[in-house]
Amino acid sequence: MYSRFTDAGRRPYSLLAQKEAASLLPDEYVRKMAFAGNQAHAVRHIASLVDAGVDSISVFPLGRARTETVRAFAASVEEYLG
């Protein structure tokens, strides 16, 4: 039933669509909200969000290795939360 959605989620996003979406977001917003950079940066970002009262995070990775990115992100969160 949901295979058309999961299949679509596994297809690479076009570079044009990524650039178009990126052009709509102010740089400051992206810096505040994106988990970009290395693992240490992501963990510090998670800590600052938790300290600010955030209780859930949605991960929407771009690029070809999305599954691996989500797994690495989950490992970082698990390590931080212990």
N, C-alpha and C. Protein backbone atom coordinates (compact mmCIF):
# COMPACT_ATOMS: atom_id res chain seq x y z
N MET A 1 0.81 -1.20 0.00
CA MET A 1 0.00 0.00 0.00
C MET A 1 0.86 1.26 0.00
N TYR A 2 1.89 1.27 0.85
CA TYR A 2 2.73 2.47 0.97
C TYR A 2 3.99 2.39 0.11
N SER A 3 4.11 1.36 -0.70
CA SER A 3 5.36 1.17 -1.45
C SER A 3 5.67 2.34 -2.37
N ARG A 4 4.65 2.99 -2.93
CA ARG A 4 4.96 4.12 -3.81
C ARG A 4 5.62 5.26 -3.06
N PHE A 5 5.30 5.40 -1.77
CA PHE A 5 5.93 6.45 -0.96
C PHE A 5 7.35 6.06 -0.56
N THR A 6 7.52 4.83 -0.13
CA THR A 6 8.87 4.41 0.27
C THR A 6 9.79 4.34 -0.93
N ASP A 7 9.27 3.90 -2.07
CA ASP A 7 10.10 3.87 -3.28
C ASP A 7 10.51 5.27 -3.67
N ALA A 8 9.59 6.22 -3.60
CA ALA A 8 9.91 7.60 -3.94
C ALA A 8 10.95 8.16 -2.97
N GLY A 9 10.88 7.77 -1.72
CA GLY A 9 11.83 8.25 -0.73
C GLY A 9 13.23 7.73 -0.94
N ARG A 10 13.35 6.62 -1.66
CA ARG A 10 14.67 6.04 -1.92
C ARG A 10 15.32 6.59 -3.18
N ARG A 11 14.56 7.23 -4.04
CA ARG A 11 15.12 7.79 -5.26
C ARG A 11 15.93 9.04 -4.94
N PRO A 12 17.03 9.23 -5.64
CA PRO A 12 17.81 10.45 -5.41
C PRO A 12 16.98 11.69 -5.78
N TYR A 13 17.15 12.74 -5.01
CA TYR A 13 16.50 14.00 -5.33
C TYR A 13 17.30 14.68 -6.43
N SER A 14 16.63 15.29 -7.33
CA SER A 14 17.35 15.96 -8.41
C SER A 14 18.11 17.16 -7.85
N LEU A 15 19.24 17.44 -8.46
CA LEU A 15 20.04 18.58 -8.03
C LEU A 15 19.25 19.87 -8.21
N LEU A 16 18.47 19.95 -9.27
CA LEU A 16 17.66 21.14 -9.50
C LEU A 16 16.65 21.34 -8.37
N ALA A 17 15.98 20.27 -7.94
CA ALA A 17 15.01 20.38 -6.84
C ALA A 17 15.70 20.79 -5.55
N GLN A 18 16.90 20.27 -5.29
CA GLN A 18 17.64 20.64 -4.09
C GLN A 18 18.01 22.12 -4.12
N LYS A 19 18.49 22.59 -5.26
CA LYS A 19 18.88 24.00 -5.37
C LYS A 19 17.67 24.91 -5.25
N GLU A 20 16.56 24.50 -5.83
CA GLU A 20 15.35 25.32 -5.75
C GLU A 20 14.87 25.41 -4.30
N ALA A 21 14.84 24.29 -3.61
CA ALA A 21 14.41 24.29 -2.21
C ALA A 21 15.37 25.12 -1.36
N ALA A 22 16.66 24.96 -1.59
CA ALA A 22 17.67 25.69 -0.81
C ALA A 22 17.54 27.19 -1.01
N SER A 23 17.15 27.61 -2.18
CA SER A 23 17.05 29.05 -2.45
C SER A 23 15.92 29.70 -1.68
N LEU A 24 14.99 28.91 -1.17
CA LEU A 24 13.84 29.45 -0.45
C LEU A 24 14.11 29.68 1.03
N LEU A 25 15.20 29.13 1.53
CA LEU A 25 15.50 29.20 2.96
C LEU A 25 16.61 30.20 3.24
N PRO A 26 16.40 31.10 4.18
CA PRO A 26 17.48 32.02 4.55
C PRO A 26 18.66 31.25 5.17
N ASP A 27 19.87 31.71 4.91
CA ASP A 27 21.06 31.03 5.42
C ASP A 27 21.04 30.88 6.93
N GLU A 28 20.59 31.90 7.64
CA GLU A 28 20.56 31.84 9.11
C GLU A 28 19.65 30.72 9.60
N TYR A 29 18.52 30.53 8.94
CA TYR A 29 17.61 29.44 9.31
C TYR A 29 18.29 28.09 9.11
N VAL A 30 18.95 27.93 8.00
CA VAL A 30 19.64 26.67 7.71
C VAL A 30 20.71 26.41 8.76
N ARG A 31 21.49 27.43 9.11
CA ARG A 31 22.53 27.25 10.14
C ARG A 31 21.93 26.83 11.48
N LYS A 32 20.77 27.37 11.82
CA LYS A 32 20.14 27.03 13.09
C LYS A 32 19.51 25.64 13.10
N MET A 33 19.02 25.21 11.95
CA MET A 33 18.20 24.00 11.92
C MET A 33 18.89 22.77 11.33
N ALA A 34 19.84 22.95 10.46
CA ALA A 34 20.44 21.82 9.75
C ALA A 34 21.47 21.10 10.61
N PHE A 35 21.53 19.81 10.44
CA PHE A 35 22.58 19.00 11.05
C PHE A 35 23.62 18.75 9.97
N ALA A 36 24.50 19.70 9.81
CA ALA A 36 25.55 19.59 8.80
C ALA A 36 26.89 19.64 9.50
N GLY A 37 27.84 18.96 8.94
CA GLY A 37 29.17 18.95 9.53
C GLY A 37 29.50 17.56 10.05
N ASN A 38 30.46 17.52 10.94
CA ASN A 38 30.90 16.22 11.46
C ASN A 38 30.05 15.79 12.65
N GLN A 39 30.35 14.62 13.18
CA GLN A 39 29.56 14.05 14.27
C GLN A 39 29.60 14.93 15.51
N ALA A 40 30.75 15.47 15.85
CA ALA A 40 30.86 16.32 17.04
C ALA A 40 29.97 17.55 16.91
N HIS A 41 29.93 18.14 15.73
CA HIS A 41 29.07 19.31 15.50
C HIS A 41 27.60 18.92 15.66
N ALA A 42 27.22 17.77 15.11
CA ALA A 42 25.83 17.32 15.22
C ALA A 42 25.44 17.08 16.67
N VAL A 43 26.33 16.47 17.43
CA VAL A 43 26.03 16.20 18.84
C VAL A 43 25.89 17.50 19.62
N ARG A 44 26.75 18.49 19.36
CA ARG A 44 26.62 19.79 20.04
C ARG A 44 25.29 20.46 19.66
N HIS A 45 24.91 20.31 18.41
CA HIS A 45 23.64 20.89 17.96
C HIS A 45 22.47 20.20 18.66
N ILE A 46 22.51 18.89 18.74
CA ILE A 46 21.46 18.15 19.45
C ILE A 46 21.39 18.62 20.90
N ALA A 47 22.53 18.75 21.55
CA ALA A 47 22.56 19.18 22.95
C ALA A 47 21.93 20.56 23.10
N SER A 48 22.23 21.47 22.19
CA SER A 48 21.66 22.82 22.30
C SER A 48 20.15 22.79 22.10
N LEU A 49 19.68 21.94 21.21
CA LEU A 49 18.23 21.83 20.99
C LEU A 49 17.53 21.21 22.20
N VAL A 50 18.13 20.17 22.76
CA VAL A 50 17.56 19.55 23.96
C VAL A 50 17.51 20.56 25.10
N ASP A 51 18.59 21.31 25.27
CA ASP A 51 18.63 22.35 26.31
C ASP A 51 17.55 23.40 26.09
N ALA A 52 17.20 23.64 24.83
CA ALA A 52 16.16 24.63 24.51
C ALA A 52 14.75 24.06 24.63
N GLY A 53 14.64 22.76 24.96
CA GLY A 53 13.33 22.16 25.16
C GLY A 53 12.79 21.34 24.00
N VAL A 54 13.58 21.17 22.96
CA VAL A 54 13.13 20.35 21.83
C VAL A 54 13.02 18.90 22.28
N ASP A 55 11.90 18.25 21.94
CA ASP A 55 11.74 16.86 22.35
C ASP A 55 11.58 15.89 21.18
N SER A 56 11.70 16.38 19.96
CA SER A 56 11.70 15.49 18.80
C SER A 56 12.46 16.17 17.66
N ILE A 57 13.06 15.33 16.82
CA ILE A 57 13.84 15.82 15.69
C ILE A 57 13.48 14.98 14.48
N SER A 58 13.25 15.63 13.36
CA SER A 58 13.02 14.94 12.10
C SER A 58 14.29 15.03 11.27
N VAL A 59 14.66 13.91 10.68
CA VAL A 59 15.86 13.86 9.86
C VAL A 59 15.44 13.64 8.41
N PHE A 60 15.88 14.53 7.54
CA PHE A 60 15.57 14.44 6.12
C PHE A 60 16.86 14.64 5.34
N PRO A 61 17.65 13.57 5.24
CA PRO A 61 18.95 13.71 4.58
C PRO A 61 18.81 13.83 3.07
N LEU A 62 19.78 14.48 2.47
CA LEU A 62 19.86 14.58 1.02
C LEU A 62 21.09 13.81 0.55
N GLY A 63 21.15 13.54 -0.71
CA GLY A 63 22.29 12.83 -1.27
C GLY A 63 21.99 11.37 -1.51
N ARG A 64 22.98 10.67 -1.95
CA ARG A 64 22.79 9.26 -2.33
C ARG A 64 22.82 8.31 -1.14
N ALA A 65 23.50 8.65 -0.07
CA ALA A 65 23.69 7.74 1.06
C ALA A 65 22.75 8.10 2.21
N ARG A 66 21.49 8.28 1.90
CA ARG A 66 20.53 8.73 2.93
C ARG A 66 20.39 7.73 4.07
N THR A 67 20.29 6.46 3.76
CA THR A 67 20.12 5.46 4.81
C THR A 67 21.32 5.46 5.75
N GLU A 68 22.51 5.51 5.20
CA GLU A 68 23.71 5.54 6.02
C GLU A 68 23.77 6.82 6.86
N THR A 69 23.31 7.92 6.30
CA THR A 69 23.29 9.19 7.04
C THR A 69 22.35 9.10 8.23
N VAL A 70 21.17 8.53 8.03
CA VAL A 70 20.21 8.38 9.14
C VAL A 70 20.79 7.47 10.21
N ARG A 71 21.42 6.38 9.81
CA ARG A 71 22.02 5.47 10.79
C ARG A 71 23.12 6.16 11.59
N ALA A 72 23.96 6.92 10.92
CA ALA A 72 25.04 7.63 11.62
C ALA A 72 24.46 8.68 12.57
N PHE A 73 23.42 9.36 12.12
CA PHE A 73 22.77 10.36 12.96
C PHE A 73 22.17 9.69 14.20
N ALA A 74 21.49 8.58 14.00
CA ALA A 74 20.89 7.85 15.13
C ALA A 74 21.96 7.40 16.11
N ALA A 75 23.09 6.94 15.61
CA ALA A 75 24.18 6.52 16.50
C ALA A 75 24.71 7.69 17.30
N SER A 76 24.79 8.86 16.68
CA SER A 76 25.25 10.05 17.39
C SER A 76 24.28 10.45 18.49
N VAL A 77 23.00 10.40 18.19
CA VAL A 77 21.98 10.75 19.19
C VAL A 77 22.02 9.74 20.33
N GLU A 78 22.10 8.47 19.99
CA GLU A 78 22.13 7.43 21.02
C GLU A 78 23.35 7.60 21.92
N GLU A 79 24.49 7.92 21.32
CA GLU A 79 25.72 8.13 22.10
C GLU A 79 25.55 9.32 23.03
N TYR A 80 24.95 10.40 22.52
CA TYR A 80 24.75 11.59 23.35
C TYR A 80 23.79 11.32 24.50
N LEU A 81 22.68 10.65 24.20
CA LEU A 81 21.67 10.41 25.22
C LEU A 81 22.04 9.30 26.18
N GLY A 82 22.97 8.45 25.75
CA GLY A 82 23.46 7.36 26.60
C GLY A 82 22.43 6.35 26.79
